[in-house]
Amino acid sequence: MISYGLYLTFASAICPDSCLPSYLPLAGLAKTLGTDFSEVMIVIAVGAFIAHICEAVTCVYFCKTRFKMQPVTIILWGVNVLIVGIFGKDI
């Protein structure tokens, strides 16, 4: 669900006319928002991008320094948080 929301956000900010097929749920809304309110969607997309990068970097930092996890586990946690954010535990 979160990954799909990120896709809709990024696609509506970058290419609302060509990246959002009409058969996808909420694609019409995302296309309208990306077309009519492109500046707002760009700000939201950049904010989401920065938030997910910061979350992933923080996760990797704590996994490495505080919890002293193995490198593979650190990478898996980092990728998970990068893709689905702090709500990854709910999937």
C-alpha atoms as a PDB file:
ATOM      1  CA  MET A   1       0.000   0.000   0.000  1.00  0.00           C
ATOM      2  CA  ILE A   2       2.757   2.436   0.940  1.00  0.00           C
ATOM      3  CA  SER A   3       4.844   1.574  -2.107  1.00  0.00           C
ATOM      4  CA  TYR A   4       1.823   2.132  -4.341  1.00  0.00           C
ATOM      5  CA  GLY A   5       1.191   5.496  -2.704  1.00  0.00           C
ATOM      6  CA  LEU A   6       4.797   6.477  -3.335  1.00  0.00           C
ATOM      7  CA  TYR A   7       4.437   5.402  -6.950  1.00  0.00           C
ATOM      8  CA  LEU A   8       1.311   7.539  -7.374  1.00  0.00           C
ATOM      9  CA  THR A   9       3.013  10.505  -5.729  1.00  0.00           C
ATOM     10  CA  PHE A  10       6.205  10.295  -7.800  1.00  0.00           C
ATOM     11  CA  ALA A  11       4.391   9.513 -11.056  1.00  0.00           C
ATOM     12  CA  SER A  12       1.969  12.405 -10.606  1.00  0.00           C
ATOM     13  CA  ALA A  13       4.879  14.757  -9.941  1.00  0.00           C
ATOM     14  CA  ILE A  14       7.157  13.545 -12.757  1.00  0.00           C
ATOM     15  CA  CYS A  15       4.908  12.387 -15.595  1.00  0.00           C
ATOM     16  CA  PRO A  16       1.195  12.511 -14.781  1.00  0.00           C
ATOM     17  CA  ASP A  17       0.052  12.057 -18.384  1.00  0.00           C
ATOM     18  CA  SER A  18       2.163   9.059 -19.381  1.00  0.00           C
ATOM     19  CA  CYS A  19       3.009   7.162 -16.170  1.00  0.00           C
ATOM     20  CA  LEU A  20      -0.474   6.704 -14.765  1.00  0.00           C
ATOM     21  CA  PRO A  21      -2.664   4.287 -16.731  1.00  0.00           C
ATOM     22  CA  SER A  22      -6.387   4.792 -16.177  1.00  0.00           C
ATOM     23  CA  TYR A  23      -7.002   1.213 -14.984  1.00  0.00           C
ATOM     24  CA  LEU A  24      -4.992   1.725 -11.774  1.00  0.00           C
ATOM     25  CA  PRO A  25      -6.933   2.637  -8.631  1.00  0.00           C
ATOM     26  CA  LEU A  26      -6.649   6.340  -7.793  1.00  0.00           C
ATOM     27  CA  ALA A  27      -4.612   6.984 -10.945  1.00  0.00           C
ATOM     28  CA  GLY A  28      -7.234   9.446 -12.175  1.00  0.00           C
ATOM     29  CA  LEU A  29      -6.954  11.455  -8.976  1.00  0.00           C
ATOM     30  CA  ALA A  30      -3.150  11.381  -9.078  1.00  0.00           C
ATOM     31  CA  LYS A  31      -3.171  12.432 -12.731  1.00  0.00           C
ATOM     32  CA  THR A  32      -5.506  15.340 -11.984  1.00  0.00           C
ATOM     33  CA  LEU A  33      -3.403  16.452  -9.028  1.00  0.00           C
ATOM     34  CA  GLY A  34      -0.202  16.164 -11.055  1.00  0.00           C
ATOM     35  CA  THR A  35      -1.681  18.124 -13.948  1.00  0.00           C
ATOM     36  CA  ASP A  36      -3.619  20.824 -12.090  1.00  0.00           C
ATOM     37  CA  PHE A  37      -1.388  21.180  -9.031  1.00  0.00           C
ATOM     38  CA  SER A  38       2.022  20.152 -10.345  1.00  0.00           C
ATOM     39  CA  GLU A  39       4.010  22.399  -8.003  1.00  0.00           C
ATOM     40  CA  VAL A  40       2.273  20.973  -4.955  1.00  0.00           C
ATOM     41  CA  MET A  41       2.846  17.403  -6.118  1.00  0.00           C
ATOM     42  CA  ILE A  42       6.512  18.117  -6.785  1.00  0.00           C
ATOM     43  CA  VAL A  43       6.921  19.491  -3.255  1.00  0.00           C
ATOM     44  CA  ILE A  44       5.150  16.449  -1.798  1.00  0.00           C
ATOM     45  CA  ALA A  45       7.222  14.043  -3.905  1.00  0.00           C
ATOM     46  CA  VAL A  46      10.501  15.717  -2.934  1.00  0.00           C
ATOM     47  CA  GLY A  47       9.425  15.686   0.718  1.00  0.00           C
ATOM     48  CA  ALA A  48       8.576  11.981   0.539  1.00  0.00           C
ATOM     49  CA  PHE A  49      11.888  11.260  -1.174  1.00  0.00           C
ATOM     50  CA  ILE A  50      13.877  13.135   1.466  1.00  0.00           C
ATOM     51  CA  ALA A  51      11.909  11.548   4.318  1.00  0.00           C
ATOM     52  CA  HIS A  52      12.503   8.023   3.032  1.00  0.00           C
ATOM     53  CA  ILE A  53      16.208   8.656   2.427  1.00  0.00           C
ATOM     54  CA  CYS A  54      16.620  10.123   5.925  1.00  0.00           C
ATOM     55  CA  GLU A  55      14.683   7.230   7.471  1.00  0.00           C
ATOM     56  CA  ALA A  56      16.822   4.663   5.675  1.00  0.00           C
ATOM     57  CA  VAL A  57      20.093   6.362   6.613  1.00  0.00           C
ATOM     58  CA  THR A  58      18.988   6.645  10.245  1.00  0.00           C
ATOM     59  CA  CYS A  59      17.934   3.004  10.270  1.00  0.00           C
ATOM     60  CA  VAL A  60      21.266   1.852   8.855  1.00  0.00           C
ATOM     61  CA  TYR A  61      23.110   4.030  11.375  1.00  0.00           C
ATOM     62  CA  PHE A  62      21.248   2.588  14.376  1.00  0.00           C
ATOM     63  CA  CYS A  63      21.449  -0.982  13.069  1.00  0.00           C
ATOM     64  CA  LYS A  64      25.192  -0.598  12.685  1.00  0.00           C
ATOM     65  CA  THR A  65      26.153   1.383  15.789  1.00  0.00           C
ATOM     66  CA  ARG A  66      23.570   0.710  18.458  1.00  0.00           C
ATOM     67  CA  PHE A  67      22.341  -2.779  17.628  1.00  0.00           C
ATOM     68  CA  LYS A  68      25.567  -4.070  16.018  1.00  0.00           C
ATOM     69  CA  MET A  69      23.748  -6.175  13.420  1.00  0.00           C
ATOM     70  CA  GLN A  70      25.364  -8.195  10.669  1.00  0.00           C
ATOM     71  CA  PRO A  71      25.994  -6.393   7.334  1.00  0.00           C
ATOM     72  CA  VAL A  72      23.340  -8.352   5.426  1.00  0.00           C
ATOM     73  CA  THR A  73      20.727  -7.592   8.091  1.00  0.00           C
ATOM     74  CA  ILE A  74      21.675  -3.914   8.016  1.00  0.00           C
ATOM     75  CA  ILE A  75      21.235  -3.806   4.240  1.00  0.00           C
ATOM     76  CA  LEU A  76      17.876  -5.584   4.423  1.00  0.00           C
ATOM     77  CA  TRP A  77      16.605  -3.166   7.074  1.00  0.00           C
ATOM     78  CA  GLY A  78      17.877  -0.190   5.091  1.00  0.00           C
ATOM     79  CA  VAL A  79      16.165  -1.319   1.891  1.00  0.00           C
ATOM     80  CA  ASN A  80      12.939  -2.119   3.735  1.00  0.00           C
ATOM     81  CA  VAL A  81      12.795   1.308   5.368  1.00  0.00           C
ATOM     82  CA  LEU A  82      13.755   3.029   2.115  1.00  0.00           C
ATOM     83  CA  ILE A  83      10.864   1.416   0.257  1.00  0.00           C
ATOM     84  CA  VAL A  84       8.083   1.392   2.832  1.00  0.00           C
ATOM     85  CA  GLY A  85       9.299   3.778   5.506  1.00  0.00           C
ATOM     86  CA  ILE A  86       8.578   3.481   9.188  1.00  0.00           C
ATOM     87  CA  PHE A  87       5.338   1.626   8.484  1.00  0.00           C
ATOM     88  CA  GLY A  88       7.196  -1.390   7.068  1.00  0.00           C
ATOM     89  CA  LYS A  89       6.411  -3.402  10.167  1.00  0.00           C
ATOM     90  CA  ASP A  90       2.708  -3.230   9.298  1.00  0.00           C
ATOM     91  CA  ILE A  91       3.060  -5.081   6.003  1.00  0.00           C
END
